[in-house]
């Protein structure tokens, strides 16, 4: 009985941890975004007019958990602060790749016409 309660407690704790701090986890999966990046992302999304009425309450619920997760990840953010910000960021890698392609003189492919010529 005690083992079952312990396993239930561990499973519940893991589920809570896995579902909280979403913005923090998402912002830390890319390149270095600075300190409290998840919290900043949450607040920016709440301020945005593009955020729908369904998303806003979810962001409000997630905000305290994201702030806690960002606080826990402060040492990691400090460790990454000296690193190149573009190494782990997919966005920055794509941007660099496009800049290299354009600098190399590559042109865009011709558009394909759907009309038939007589």
PDB file of N, CA and C in Angstrom:
ATOM      1  N   UNK A   1       0.821  -1.188   0.000  1.00  0.00           N
ATOM      2  CA  UNK A   1       0.000   0.000   0.000  1.00  0.00           C
ATOM      3  C   UNK A   1       0.865   1.252   0.000  1.00  0.00           C
ATOM      4  N   UNK A   2       1.942   1.247   0.793  1.00  0.00           N
ATOM      5  CA  UNK A   2       2.818   2.405   0.873  1.00  0.00           C
ATOM      6  C   UNK A   2       3.552   2.641  -0.451  1.00  0.00           C
ATOM      7  N   UNK A   3       3.952   1.554  -1.104  1.00  0.00           N
ATOM      8  CA  UNK A   3       4.643   1.684  -2.386  1.00  0.00           C
ATOM      9  C   UNK A   3       3.702   2.273  -3.428  1.00  0.00           C
ATOM     10  N   UNK A   4       2.448   1.841  -3.400  1.00  0.00           N
ATOM     11  CA  UNK A   4       1.468   2.355  -4.354  1.00  0.00           C
ATOM     12  C   UNK A   4       1.250   3.856  -4.148  1.00  0.00           C
ATOM     13  N   UNK A   5       1.159   4.292  -2.894  1.00  0.00           N
ATOM     14  CA  UNK A   5       0.993   5.722  -2.604  1.00  0.00           C
ATOM     15  C   UNK A   5       2.223   6.522  -3.028  1.00  0.00           C
ATOM     16  N   UNK A   6       3.401   5.958  -2.808  1.00  0.00           N
ATOM     17  CA  UNK A   6       4.637   6.625  -3.190  1.00  0.00           C
ATOM     18  C   UNK A   6       4.725   6.763  -4.705  1.00  0.00           C
ATOM     19  N   UNK A   7       4.389   5.704  -5.430  1.00  0.00           N
ATOM     20  CA  UNK A   7       4.412   5.761  -6.888  1.00  0.00           C
ATOM     21  C   UNK A   7       3.384   6.756  -7.419  1.00  0.00           C
ATOM     22  N   UNK A   8       2.222   6.795  -6.792  1.00  0.00           N
ATOM     23  CA  UNK A   8       1.194   7.756  -7.199  1.00  0.00           C
ATOM     24  C   UNK A   8       1.681   9.182  -6.964  1.00  0.00           C
ATOM     25  N   UNK A   9       2.331   9.417  -5.844  1.00  0.00           N
ATOM     26  CA  UNK A   9       2.868  10.738  -5.531  1.00  0.00           C
ATOM     27  C   UNK A   9       3.965  11.130  -6.534  1.00  0.00           C
ATOM     28  N   UNK A  10       4.833  10.203  -6.861  1.00  0.00           N
ATOM     29  CA  UNK A  10       5.902  10.478  -7.821  1.00  0.00           C
ATOM     30  C   UNK A  10       5.316  10.748  -9.208  1.00  0.00           C
ATOM     31  N   UNK A  11       4.349   9.941  -9.625  1.00  0.00           N
ATOM     32  CA  UNK A  11       3.728  10.137 -10.943  1.00  0.00           C
ATOM     33  C   UNK A  11       3.007  11.476 -11.016  1.00  0.00           C
ATOM     34  N   UNK A  12       2.312  11.836  -9.949  1.00  0.00           N
ATOM     35  CA  UNK A  12       1.620  13.127  -9.911  1.00  0.00           C
ATOM     36  C   UNK A  12       2.616  14.271  -9.964  1.00  0.00           C
ATOM     37  N   UNK A  13       3.692  14.166  -9.215  1.00  0.00           N
ATOM     38  CA  UNK A  13       4.727  15.201  -9.226  1.00  0.00           C
ATOM     39  C   UNK A  13       5.369  15.351 -10.598  1.00  0.00           C
ATOM     40  N   UNK A  14       5.661  14.236 -11.251  1.00  0.00           N
ATOM     41  CA  UNK A  14       6.246  14.288 -12.595  1.00  0.00           C
ATOM     42  C   UNK A  14       5.274  14.908 -13.591  1.00  0.00           C
ATOM     43  N   UNK A  15       3.997  14.580 -13.474  1.00  0.00           N
ATOM     44  CA  UNK A  15       2.997  15.150 -14.375  1.00  0.00           C
ATOM     45  C   UNK A  15       2.881  16.653 -14.169  1.00  0.00           C
ATOM     46  N   UNK A  16       2.914  17.100 -12.925  1.00  0.00           N
ATOM     47  CA  UNK A  16       2.847  18.539 -12.650  1.00  0.00           C
ATOM     48  C   UNK A  16       4.075  19.259 -13.191  1.00  0.00           C
ATOM     49  N   UNK A  17       5.221  18.688 -13.001  1.00  0.00           N
ATOM     50  CA  UNK A  17       6.455  19.302 -13.494  1.00  0.00           C
ATOM     51  C   UNK A  17       6.455  19.353 -15.017  1.00  0.00           C
ATOM     52  N   UNK A  18       5.957  18.305 -15.638  1.00  0.00           N
ATOM     53  CA  UNK A  18       5.959  18.238 -17.102  1.00  0.00           C
ATOM     54  C   UNK A  18       4.992  19.228 -17.736  1.00  0.00           C
ATOM     55  N   UNK A  19       3.963  19.621 -17.005  1.00  0.00           N
ATOM     56  CA  UNK A  19       2.952  20.507 -17.592  1.00  0.00           C
ATOM     57  C   UNK A  19       3.088  21.950 -17.140  1.00  0.00           C
ATOM     58  N   UNK A  20       4.140  22.286 -16.446  1.00  0.00           N
ATOM     59  CA  UNK A  20       4.288  23.658 -15.967  1.00  0.00           C
ATOM     60  C   UNK A  20       5.529  24.296 -16.554  1.00  0.00           C
ATOM     61  N   UNK A  21       5.489  25.603 -16.627  1.00  0.00           N
ATOM     62  CA  UNK A  21       6.637  26.330 -17.132  1.00  0.00           C
ATOM     63  C   UNK A  21       6.851  26.149 -18.613  1.00  0.00           C
ATOM     64  N   UNK A  22       5.772  25.992 -19.353  1.00  0.00           N
ATOM     65  CA  UNK A  22       5.869  25.724 -20.800  1.00  0.00           C
ATOM     66  C   UNK A  22       6.670  26.797 -21.530  1.00  0.00           C
ATOM     67  N   UNK A  23       6.410  28.048 -21.223  1.00  0.00           N
ATOM     68  CA  UNK A  23       7.122  29.126 -21.925  1.00  0.00           C
ATOM     69  C   UNK A  23       8.606  29.094 -21.616  1.00  0.00           C
ATOM     70  N   UNK A  24       8.945  28.748 -20.399  1.00  0.00           N
ATOM     71  CA  UNK A  24      10.350  28.673 -20.022  1.00  0.00           C
ATOM     72  C   UNK A  24      11.051  27.548 -20.782  1.00  0.00           C
ATOM     73  N   UNK A  25      10.417  26.406 -20.846  1.00  0.00           N
ATOM     74  CA  UNK A  25      11.007  25.269 -21.551  1.00  0.00           C
ATOM     75  C   UNK A  25      11.155  25.592 -23.036  1.00  0.00           C
ATOM     76  N   UNK A  26      10.123  26.190 -23.625  1.00  0.00           N
ATOM     77  CA  UNK A  26      10.185  26.519 -25.054  1.00  0.00           C
ATOM     78  C   UNK A  26      11.273  27.538 -25.342  1.00  0.00           C
ATOM     79  N   UNK A  27      11.413  28.545 -24.495  1.00  0.00           N
ATOM     80  CA  UNK A  27      12.410  29.575 -24.766  1.00  0.00           C
ATOM     81  C   UNK A  27      13.830  29.066 -24.528  1.00  0.00           C
ATOM     82  N   UNK A  28      13.988  28.060 -23.682  1.00  0.00           N
ATOM     83  CA  UNK A  28      15.321  27.520 -23.424  1.00  0.00           C
ATOM     84  C   UNK A  28      15.712  26.438 -24.419  1.00  0.00           C
ATOM     85  N   UNK A  29      14.805  26.043 -25.294  1.00  0.00           N
ATOM     86  CA  UNK A  29      15.147  25.001 -26.257  1.00  0.00           C
ATOM     87  C   UNK A  29      15.881  25.563 -27.470  1.00  0.00           C
ATOM     88  N   UNK A  30      15.865  26.869 -27.644  1.00  0.00           N
ATOM     89  CA  UNK A  30      16.562  27.495 -28.762  1.00  0.00           C
ATOM     90  C   UNK A  30      17.887  28.073 -28.305  1.00  0.00           C
ATOM     91  N   UNK A  31      18.298  29.105 -28.968  1.00  0.00           N
ATOM     92  CA  UNK A  31      19.538  29.781 -28.616  1.00  0.00           C
ATOM     93  C   UNK A  31      19.390  30.562 -27.322  1.00  0.00           C
ATOM     94  N   UNK A  32      20.458  31.169 -26.903  1.00  0.00           N
ATOM     95  CA  UNK A  32      20.459  31.937 -25.665  1.00  0.00           C
ATOM     96  C   UNK A  32      19.519  33.127 -25.804  1.00  0.00           C
ATOM     97  N   UNK A  33      18.528  33.192 -24.963  1.00  0.00           N
ATOM     98  CA  UNK A  33      17.537  34.259 -25.016  1.00  0.00           C
ATOM     99  C   UNK A  33      17.687  35.235 -23.854  1.00  0.00           C
ATOM    100  N   UNK A  34      18.675  35.044 -23.004  1.00  0.00           N
ATOM    101  CA  UNK A  34      18.851  35.923 -21.852  1.00  0.00           C
ATOM    102  C   UNK A  34      18.197  35.348 -20.613  1.00  0.00           C
ATOM    103  N   UNK A  35      18.106  36.177 -19.604  1.00  0.00           N
ATOM    104  CA  UNK A  35      17.543  35.757 -18.332  1.00  0.00           C
ATOM    105  C   UNK A  35      16.028  35.938 -18.326  1.00  0.00           C
ATOM    106  N   UNK A  36      15.323  35.019 -17.683  1.00  0.00           N
ATOM    107  CA  UNK A  36      13.853  35.035 -17.563  1.00  0.00           C
ATOM    108  C   UNK A  36      13.181  35.155 -18.931  1.00  0.00           C
ATOM    109  N   UNK A  37      13.677  34.412 -19.887  1.00  0.00           N
ATOM    110  CA  UNK A  37      13.143  34.499 -21.248  1.00  0.00           C
ATOM    111  C   UNK A  37      11.723  33.959 -21.346  1.00  0.00           C
ATOM    112  N   UNK A  38      11.403  32.922 -20.610  1.00  0.00           N
ATOM    113  CA  UNK A  38      10.046  32.383 -20.641  1.00  0.00           C
ATOM    114  C   UNK A  38       9.033  33.341 -20.048  1.00  0.00           C
ATOM    115  N   UNK A  39       9.414  33.977 -18.953  1.00  0.00           N
ATOM    116  CA  UNK A  39       8.524  34.946 -18.314  1.00  0.00           C
ATOM    117  C   UNK A  39       8.300  36.133 -19.239  1.00  0.00           C
ATOM    118  N   UNK A  40       9.366  36.602 -19.862  1.00  0.00           N
ATOM    119  CA  UNK A  40       9.221  37.720 -20.807  1.00  0.00           C
ATOM    120  C   UNK A  40       8.327  37.328 -21.981  1.00  0.00           C
ATOM    121  N   UNK A  41       8.484  36.108 -22.478  1.00  0.00           N
ATOM    122  CA  UNK A  41       7.661  35.645 -23.600  1.00  0.00           C
ATOM    123  C   UNK A  41       6.188  35.578 -23.201  1.00  0.00           C
ATOM    124  N   UNK A  42       5.916  35.095 -21.983  1.00  0.00           N
ATOM    125  CA  UNK A  42       4.538  35.042 -21.495  1.00  0.00           C
ATOM    126  C   UNK A  42       3.916  36.429 -21.446  1.00  0.00           C
ATOM    127  N   UNK A  43       4.635  37.370 -20.866  1.00  0.00           N
ATOM    128  CA  UNK A  43       4.106  38.726 -20.714  1.00  0.00           C
ATOM    129  C   UNK A  43       3.890  39.376 -22.079  1.00  0.00           C
ATOM    130  N   UNK A  44       4.831  39.179 -22.994  1.00  0.00           N
ATOM    131  CA  UNK A  44       4.688  39.743 -24.339  1.00  0.00           C
ATOM    132  C   UNK A  44       3.474  39.161 -25.055  1.00  0.00           C
ATOM    133  N   UNK A  45       3.246  37.862 -24.886  1.00  0.00           N
ATOM    134  CA  UNK A  45       2.089  37.251 -25.522  1.00  0.00           C
ATOM    135  C   UNK A  45       0.786  37.743 -24.898  1.00  0.00           C
ATOM    136  N   UNK A  46       0.785  37.964 -23.579  1.00  0.00           N
ATOM    137  CA  UNK A  46      -0.422  38.486 -22.934  1.00  0.00           C
ATOM    138  C   UNK A  46      -0.733  39.904 -23.395  1.00  0.00           C
ATOM    139  N   UNK A  47       0.299  40.696 -23.670  1.00  0.00           N
ATOM    140  CA  UNK A  47       0.101  42.076 -24.129  1.00  0.00           C
ATOM    141  C   UNK A  47      -0.307  42.151 -25.593  1.00  0.00           C
ATOM    142  N   UNK A  48       0.023  41.136 -26.360  1.00  0.00           N
ATOM    143  CA  UNK A  48      -0.204  41.160 -27.802  1.00  0.00           C
ATOM    144  C   UNK A  48      -1.692  41.110 -28.130  1.00  0.00           C
ATOM    145  N   UNK A  49      -2.080  41.883 -29.118  1.00  0.00           N
ATOM    146  CA  UNK A  49      -3.464  41.863 -29.583  1.00  0.00           C
ATOM    147  C   UNK A  49      -3.743  40.622 -30.426  1.00  0.00           C
ATOM    148  N   UNK A  50      -2.698  39.954 -30.876  1.00  0.00           N
ATOM    149  CA  UNK A  50      -2.862  38.752 -31.686  1.00  0.00           C
ATOM    150  C   UNK A  50      -3.188  37.518 -30.843  1.00  0.00           C
ATOM    151  N   UNK A  51      -3.010  37.605 -29.530  1.00  0.00           N
ATOM    152  CA  UNK A  51      -3.289  36.488 -28.646  1.00  0.00           C
ATOM    153  C   UNK A  51      -4.796  36.401 -28.423  1.00  0.00           C
ATOM    154  N   UNK A  52      -5.354  35.248 -28.671  1.00  0.00           N
ATOM    155  CA  UNK A  52      -6.796  35.055 -28.555  1.00  0.00           C
ATOM    156  C   UNK A  52      -7.261  34.973 -27.110  1.00  0.00           C
ATOM    157  N   UNK A  53      -8.567  35.035 -26.954  1.00  0.00           N
ATOM    158  CA  UNK A  53      -9.157  35.020 -25.614  1.00  0.00           C
ATOM    159  C   UNK A  53      -8.988  33.668 -24.935  1.00  0.00           C
ATOM    160  N   UNK A  54      -8.781  32.601 -25.686  1.00  0.00           N
ATOM    161  CA  UNK A  54      -8.583  31.281 -25.102  1.00  0.00           C
ATOM    162  C   UNK A  54      -7.169  31.149 -24.541  1.00  0.00           C
ATOM    163  N   UNK A  55      -6.222  31.738 -25.216  1.00  0.00           N
ATOM    164  CA  UNK A  55      -4.817  31.598 -24.819  1.00  0.00           C
ATOM    165  C   UNK A  55      -4.461  32.449 -23.594  1.00  0.00           C
ATOM    166  N   UNK A  56      -5.072  33.588 -23.449  1.00  0.00           N
ATOM    167  CA  UNK A  56      -4.708  34.511 -22.367  1.00  0.00           C
ATOM    168  C   UNK A  56      -4.856  33.885 -20.975  1.00  0.00           C
ATOM    169  N   UNK A  57      -5.982  33.224 -20.633  1.00  0.00           N
ATOM    170  CA  UNK A  57      -6.061  32.590 -19.309  1.00  0.00           C
ATOM    171  C   UNK A  57      -5.009  31.503 -19.104  1.00  0.00           C
ATOM    172  N   UNK A  58      -4.679  30.779 -20.182  1.00  0.00           N
ATOM    173  CA  UNK A  58      -3.640  29.755 -20.061  1.00  0.00           C
ATOM    174  C   UNK A  58      -2.278  30.381 -19.775  1.00  0.00           C
ATOM    175  N   UNK A  59      -2.009  31.513 -20.393  1.00  0.00           N
ATOM    176  CA  UNK A  59      -0.756  32.222 -20.136  1.00  0.00           C
ATOM    177  C   UNK A  59      -0.708  32.736 -18.702  1.00  0.00           C
ATOM    178  N   UNK A  60      -1.844  33.215 -18.209  1.00  0.00           N
ATOM    179  CA  UNK A  60      -1.903  33.702 -16.814  1.00  0.00           C
ATOM    180  C   UNK A  60      -1.637  32.551 -15.852  1.00  0.00           C
ATOM    181  N   UNK A  61      -2.207  31.379 -16.129  1.00  0.00           N
ATOM    182  CA  UNK A  61      -1.970  30.211 -15.271  1.00  0.00           C
ATOM    183  C   UNK A  61      -0.517  29.743 -15.352  1.00  0.00           C
ATOM    184  N   UNK A  62       0.074  29.833 -16.519  1.00  0.00           N
ATOM    185  CA  UNK A  62       1.435  29.357 -16.726  1.00  0.00           C
ATOM    186  C   UNK A  62       2.492  30.318 -16.182  1.00  0.00           C
ATOM    187  N   UNK A  63       2.160  31.590 -16.062  1.00  0.00           N
ATOM    188  CA  UNK A  63       3.150  32.609 -15.684  1.00  0.00           C
ATOM    189  C   UNK A  63       3.895  32.312 -14.380  1.00  0.00           C
ATOM    190  N   UNK A  64       3.220  31.984 -13.270  1.00  0.00           N
ATOM    191  CA  UNK A  64       3.997  31.716 -12.046  1.00  0.00           C
ATOM    192  C   UNK A  64       4.914  30.504 -12.165  1.00  0.00           C
ATOM    193  N   UNK A  65       4.442  29.466 -12.853  1.00  0.00           N
ATOM    194  CA  UNK A  65       5.265  28.271 -13.026  1.00  0.00           C
ATOM    195  C   UNK A  65       6.471  28.560 -13.923  1.00  0.00           C
ATOM    196  N   UNK A  66       6.251  29.372 -14.941  1.00  0.00           N
ATOM    197  CA  UNK A  66       7.345  29.758 -15.829  1.00  0.00           C
ATOM    198  C   UNK A  66       8.366  30.595 -15.076  1.00  0.00           C
ATOM    199  N   UNK A  67       7.901  31.501 -14.210  1.00  0.00           N
ATOM    200  CA  UNK A  67       8.826  32.319 -13.421  1.00  0.00           C
ATOM    201  C   UNK A  67       9.664  31.450 -12.493  1.00  0.00           C
ATOM    202  N   UNK A  68       9.046  30.450 -11.892  1.00  0.00           N
ATOM    203  CA  UNK A  68       9.794  29.531 -11.014  1.00  0.00           C
ATOM    204  C   UNK A  68      10.810  28.745 -11.834  1.00  0.00           C
ATOM    205  N   UNK A  69      10.384  28.244 -12.996  1.00  0.00           N
ATOM    206  CA  UNK A  69      11.302  27.473 -13.842  1.00  0.00           C
ATOM    207  C   UNK A  69      12.453  28.347 -14.336  1.00  0.00           C
ATOM    208  N   UNK A  70      12.163  29.584 -14.698  1.00  0.00           N
ATOM    209  CA  UNK A  70      13.232  30.496 -15.109  1.00  0.00           C
ATOM    210  C   UNK A  70      14.203  30.756 -13.963  1.00  0.00           C
ATOM    211  N   UNK A  71      13.694  30.837 -12.747  1.00  0.00           N
ATOM    212  CA  UNK A  71      14.563  31.033 -11.581  1.00  0.00           C
ATOM    213  C   UNK A  71      15.448  29.809 -11.366  1.00  0.00           C
ATOM    214  N   UNK A  72      14.879  28.628 -11.515  1.00  0.00           N
ATOM    215  CA  UNK A  72      15.658  27.394 -11.377  1.00  0.00           C
ATOM    216  C   UNK A  72      16.748  27.319 -12.450  1.00  0.00           C
ATOM    217  N   UNK A  73      16.443  27.838 -13.645  1.00  0.00           N
ATOM    218  CA  UNK A  73      17.384  27.769 -14.762  1.00  0.00           C
ATOM    219  C   UNK A  73      18.359  28.948 -14.826  1.00  0.00           C
ATOM    220  N   UNK A  74      18.342  29.827 -13.832  1.00  0.00           N
ATOM    221  CA  UNK A  74      19.268  30.963 -13.833  1.00  0.00           C
ATOM    222  C   UNK A  74      20.740  30.549 -13.926  1.00  0.00           C
ATOM    223  N   UNK A  75      21.188  29.538 -13.165  1.00  0.00           N
ATOM    224  CA  UNK A  75      22.603  29.137 -13.322  1.00  0.00           C
ATOM    225  C   UNK A  75      22.920  28.672 -14.738  1.00  0.00           C
ATOM    226  N   UNK A  76      21.996  27.963 -15.365  1.00  0.00           N
ATOM    227  CA  UNK A  76      22.190  27.511 -16.747  1.00  0.00           C
ATOM    228  C   UNK A  76      22.251  28.709 -17.691  1.00  0.00           C
ATOM    229  N   UNK A  77      21.378  29.686 -17.485  1.00  0.00           N
ATOM    230  CA  UNK A  77      21.406  30.892 -18.319  1.00  0.00           C
ATOM    231  C   UNK A  77      22.714  31.643 -18.146  1.00  0.00           C
ATOM    232  N   UNK A  78      23.208  31.704 -16.915  1.00  0.00           N
ATOM    233  CA  UNK A  78      24.486  32.372 -16.659  1.00  0.00           C
ATOM    234  C   UNK A  78      25.618  31.625 -17.364  1.00  0.00           C
ATOM    235  N   UNK A  79      25.579  30.304 -17.308  1.00  0.00           N
ATOM    236  CA  UNK A  79      26.595  29.485 -17.975  1.00  0.00           C
ATOM    237  C   UNK A  79      26.571  29.719 -19.482  1.00  0.00           C
ATOM    238  N   UNK A  80      25.384  29.827 -20.065  1.00  0.00           N
ATOM    239  CA  UNK A  80      25.257  30.026 -21.512  1.00  0.00           C
ATOM    240  C   UNK A  80      25.483  31.461 -21.943  1.00  0.00           C
ATOM    241  N   UNK A  81      25.558  32.403 -21.015  1.00  0.00           N
ATOM    242  CA  UNK A  81      25.644  33.815 -21.395  1.00  0.00           C
ATOM    243  C   UNK A  81      26.926  34.146 -22.154  1.00  0.00           C
ATOM    244  N   UNK A  82      27.994  33.371 -21.969  1.00  0.00           N
ATOM    245  CA  UNK A  82      29.247  33.621 -22.676  1.00  0.00           C
ATOM    246  C   UNK A  82      29.292  32.943 -24.040  1.00  0.00           C
ATOM    247  N   UNK A  83      28.371  32.058 -24.301  1.00  0.00           N
ATOM    248  CA  UNK A  83      28.384  31.273 -25.531  1.00  0.00           C
ATOM    249  C   UNK A  83      27.858  32.096 -26.700  1.00  0.00           C
ATOM    250  N   UNK A  84      28.165  31.623 -27.890  1.00  0.00           N
ATOM    251  CA  UNK A  84      27.635  32.220 -29.111  1.00  0.00           C
ATOM    252  C   UNK A  84      26.129  31.994 -29.140  1.00  0.00           C
ATOM    253  N   UNK A  85      25.373  33.058 -29.270  1.00  0.00           N
ATOM    254  CA  UNK A  85      23.926  32.981 -29.196  1.00  0.00           C
ATOM    255  C   UNK A  85      23.308  32.277 -30.410  1.00  0.00           C
ATOM    256  N   UNK A  86      24.034  32.169 -31.487  1.00  0.00           N
ATOM    257  CA  UNK A  86      23.463  31.599 -32.706  1.00  0.00           C
ATOM    258  C   UNK A  86      23.743  30.111 -32.873  1.00  0.00           C
ATOM    259  N   UNK A  87      24.565  29.532 -32.028  1.00  0.00           N
ATOM    260  CA  UNK A  87      24.951  28.136 -32.223  1.00  0.00           C
ATOM    261  C   UNK A  87      23.751  27.204 -32.100  1.00  0.00           C
ATOM    262  N   UNK A  88      22.932  27.387 -31.070  1.00  0.00           N
ATOM    263  CA  UNK A  88      21.835  26.460 -30.818  1.00  0.00           C
ATOM    264  C   UNK A  88      20.485  26.938 -31.331  1.00  0.00           C
ATOM    265  N   UNK A  89      20.429  28.085 -31.910  1.00  0.00           N
ATOM    266  CA  UNK A  89      19.153  28.629 -32.351  1.00  0.00           C
ATOM    267  C   UNK A  89      18.865  28.233 -33.792  1.00  0.00           C
ATOM    268  N   UNK A  90      17.815  27.449 -34.015  1.00  0.00           N
ATOM    269  CA  UNK A  90      17.479  27.083 -35.395  1.00  0.00           C
ATOM    270  C   UNK A  90      17.187  28.313 -36.253  1.00  0.00           C
ATOM    271  N   UNK A  91      16.548  29.296 -35.680  1.00  0.00           N
ATOM    272  CA  UNK A  91      16.230  30.511 -36.430  1.00  0.00           C
ATOM    273  C   UNK A  91      17.497  31.195 -36.920  1.00  0.00           C
ATOM    274  N   UNK A  92      18.475  31.329 -36.049  1.00  0.00           N
ATOM    275  CA  UNK A  92      19.722  31.991 -36.419  1.00  0.00           C
ATOM    276  C   UNK A  92      20.530  31.164 -37.403  1.00  0.00           C
ATOM    277  N   UNK A  93      20.498  29.832 -37.272  1.00  0.00           N
ATOM    278  CA  UNK A  93      21.215  28.980 -38.228  1.00  0.00           C
ATOM    279  C   UNK A  93      20.613  29.115 -39.616  1.00  0.00           C
ATOM    280  N   UNK A  94      19.285  29.149 -39.714  1.00  0.00           N
ATOM    281  CA  UNK A  94      18.623  29.312 -41.009  1.00  0.00           C
ATOM    282  C   UNK A  94      18.927  30.685 -41.584  1.00  0.00           C
ATOM    283  N   UNK A  95      18.899  31.691 -40.730  1.00  0.00           N
ATOM    284  CA  UNK A  95      19.195  33.053 -41.181  1.00  0.00           C
ATOM    285  C   UNK A  95      20.614  33.144 -41.743  1.00  0.00           C
ATOM    286  N   UNK A  96      21.590  32.557 -41.038  1.00  0.00           N
ATOM    287  CA  UNK A  96      22.973  32.552 -41.520  1.00  0.00           C
ATOM    288  C   UNK A  96      23.087  31.800 -42.839  1.00  0.00           C
ATOM    289  N   UNK A  97      22.389  30.669 -42.939  1.00  0.00           N
ATOM    290  CA  UNK A  97      22.421  29.880 -44.169  1.00  0.00           C
ATOM    291  C   UNK A  97      21.859  30.673 -45.337  1.00  0.00           C
ATOM    292  N   UNK A  98      20.759  31.372 -45.116  1.00  0.00           N
ATOM    293  CA  UNK A  98      20.172  32.187 -46.181  1.00  0.00           C
ATOM    294  C   UNK A  98      21.098  33.333 -46.577  1.00  0.00           C
ATOM    295  N   UNK A  99      21.752  33.933 -45.603  1.00  0.00           N
ATOM    296  CA  UNK A  99      22.684  35.025 -45.904  1.00  0.00           C
ATOM    297  C   UNK A  99      23.858  34.512 -46.724  1.00  0.00           C
ATOM    298  N   UNK A 100      24.367  33.325 -46.387  1.00  0.00           N
ATOM    299  CA  UNK A 100      25.468  32.742 -47.158  1.00  0.00           C
ATOM    300  C   UNK A 100      25.021  32.420 -48.575  1.00  0.00           C
ATOM    301  N   UNK A 101      23.803  31.910 -48.715  1.00  0.00           N
ATOM    302  CA  UNK A 101      23.282  31.580 -50.039  1.00  0.00           C
ATOM    303  C   UNK A 101      23.139  32.825 -50.891  1.00  0.00           C
ATOM    304  N   UNK A 102      22.576  33.873 -50.310  1.00  0.00           N
ATOM    305  CA  UNK A 102      22.404  35.120 -51.059  1.00  0.00           C
ATOM    306  C   UNK A 102      23.748  35.770 -51.375  1.00  0.00           C
ATOM    307  N   UNK A 103      24.697  35.688 -50.468  1.00  0.00           N
ATOM    308  CA  UNK A 103      26.015  36.279 -50.679  1.00  0.00           C
ATOM    309  C   UNK A 103      26.778  35.518 -51.763  1.00  0.00           C
ATOM    310  N   UNK A 104      26.470  34.238 -51.925  1.00  0.00           N
ATOM    311  CA  UNK A 104      27.146  33.416 -52.925  1.00  0.00           C
ATOM    312  C   UNK A 104      26.624  33.642 -54.328  1.00  0.00           C
ATOM    313  N   UNK A 105      25.632  34.504 -54.480  1.00  0.00           N
ATOM    314  CA  UNK A 105      25.119  34.818 -55.808  1.00  0.00           C
ATOM    315  C   UNK A 105      24.020  33.880 -56.272  1.00  0.00           C
ATOM    316  N   UNK A 106      23.478  33.084 -55.383  1.00  0.00           N
ATOM    317  CA  UNK A 106      22.396  32.184 -55.783  1.00  0.00           C
ATOM    318  C   UNK A 106      21.150  32.999 -56.070  1.00  0.00           C
ATOM    319  N   UNK A 107      20.440  32.582 -57.049  1.00  0.00           N
ATOM    320  CA  UNK A 107      19.205  33.281 -57.390  1.00  0.00           C
ATOM    321  C   UNK A 107      18.020  32.418 -57.025  1.00  0.00           C
ATOM    322  N   UNK A 108      16.892  33.039 -56.936  1.00  0.00           N
ATOM    323  CA  UNK A 108      15.686  32.280 -56.636  1.00  0.00           C
ATOM    324  C   UNK A 108      15.267  31.525 -57.877  1.00  0.00           C
ATOM    325  N   UNK A 109      14.675  30.351 -57.716  1.00  0.00           N
ATOM    326  CA  UNK A 109      14.270  29.574 -58.891  1.00  0.00           C
ATOM    327  C   UNK A 109      13.161  30.298 -59.641  1.00  0.00           C
ATOM    328  N   UNK A 110      13.114  30.133 -60.967  1.00  0.00           N
ATOM    329  CA  UNK A 110      12.073  30.814 -61.744  1.00  0.00           C
ATOM    330  C   UNK A 110      10.704  30.297 -61.341  1.00  0.00           C
ATOM    331  N   UNK A 111       9.718  31.179 -61.435  1.00  0.00           N
ATOM    332  CA  UNK A 111       8.373  30.755 -61.075  1.00  0.00           C
ATOM    333  C   UNK A 111       7.830  29.845 -62.152  1.00  0.00           C
ATOM    334  N   UNK A 112       7.015  28.929 -61.731  1.00  0.00           N
ATOM    335  CA  UNK A 112       6.449  27.965 -62.644  1.00  0.00           C
ATOM    336  C   UNK A 112       5.102  28.485 -63.099  1.00  0.00           C
ATOM    337  N   UNK A 113       4.912  28.560 -64.373  1.00  0.00           N
ATOM    338  CA  UNK A 113       3.666  29.057 -64.937  1.00  0.00           C
ATOM    339  C   UNK A 113       2.676  27.922 -65.071  1.00  0.00           C
ATOM    340  N   UNK A 114       1.432  28.180 -64.687  1.00  0.00           N
ATOM    341  CA  UNK A 114       0.413  27.129 -64.785  1.00  0.00           C
ATOM    342  C   UNK A 114      -0.386  27.238 -66.066  1.00  0.00           C
ATOM    343  N   UNK A 115      -0.180  28.326 -66.810  1.00  0.00           N
ATOM    344  CA  UNK A 115      -0.932  28.476 -68.062  1.00  0.00           C
ATOM    345  C   UNK A 115      -0.200  27.735 -69.175  1.00  0.00           C
ATOM    346  N   UNK A 116      -0.947  27.291 -70.129  1.00  0.00           N
ATOM    347  CA  UNK A 116      -0.348  26.605 -71.271  1.00  0.00           C
ATOM    348  C   UNK A 116      -0.210  27.589 -72.432  1.00  0.00           C
ATOM    349  N   UNK A 117       0.926  27.571 -73.050  1.00  0.00           N
ATOM    350  CA  UNK A 117       1.181  28.473 -74.186  1.00  0.00           C
ATOM    351  C   UNK A 117       0.781  27.774 -75.467  1.00  0.00           C
ATOM    352  N   UNK A 118       0.140  28.492 -76.410  1.00  0.00           N
ATOM    353  CA  UNK A 118      -0.258  27.867 -77.672  1.00  0.00           C
ATOM    354  C   UNK A 118       0.906  27.650 -78.599  1.00  0.00           C
TER     355      UNK A 118
END
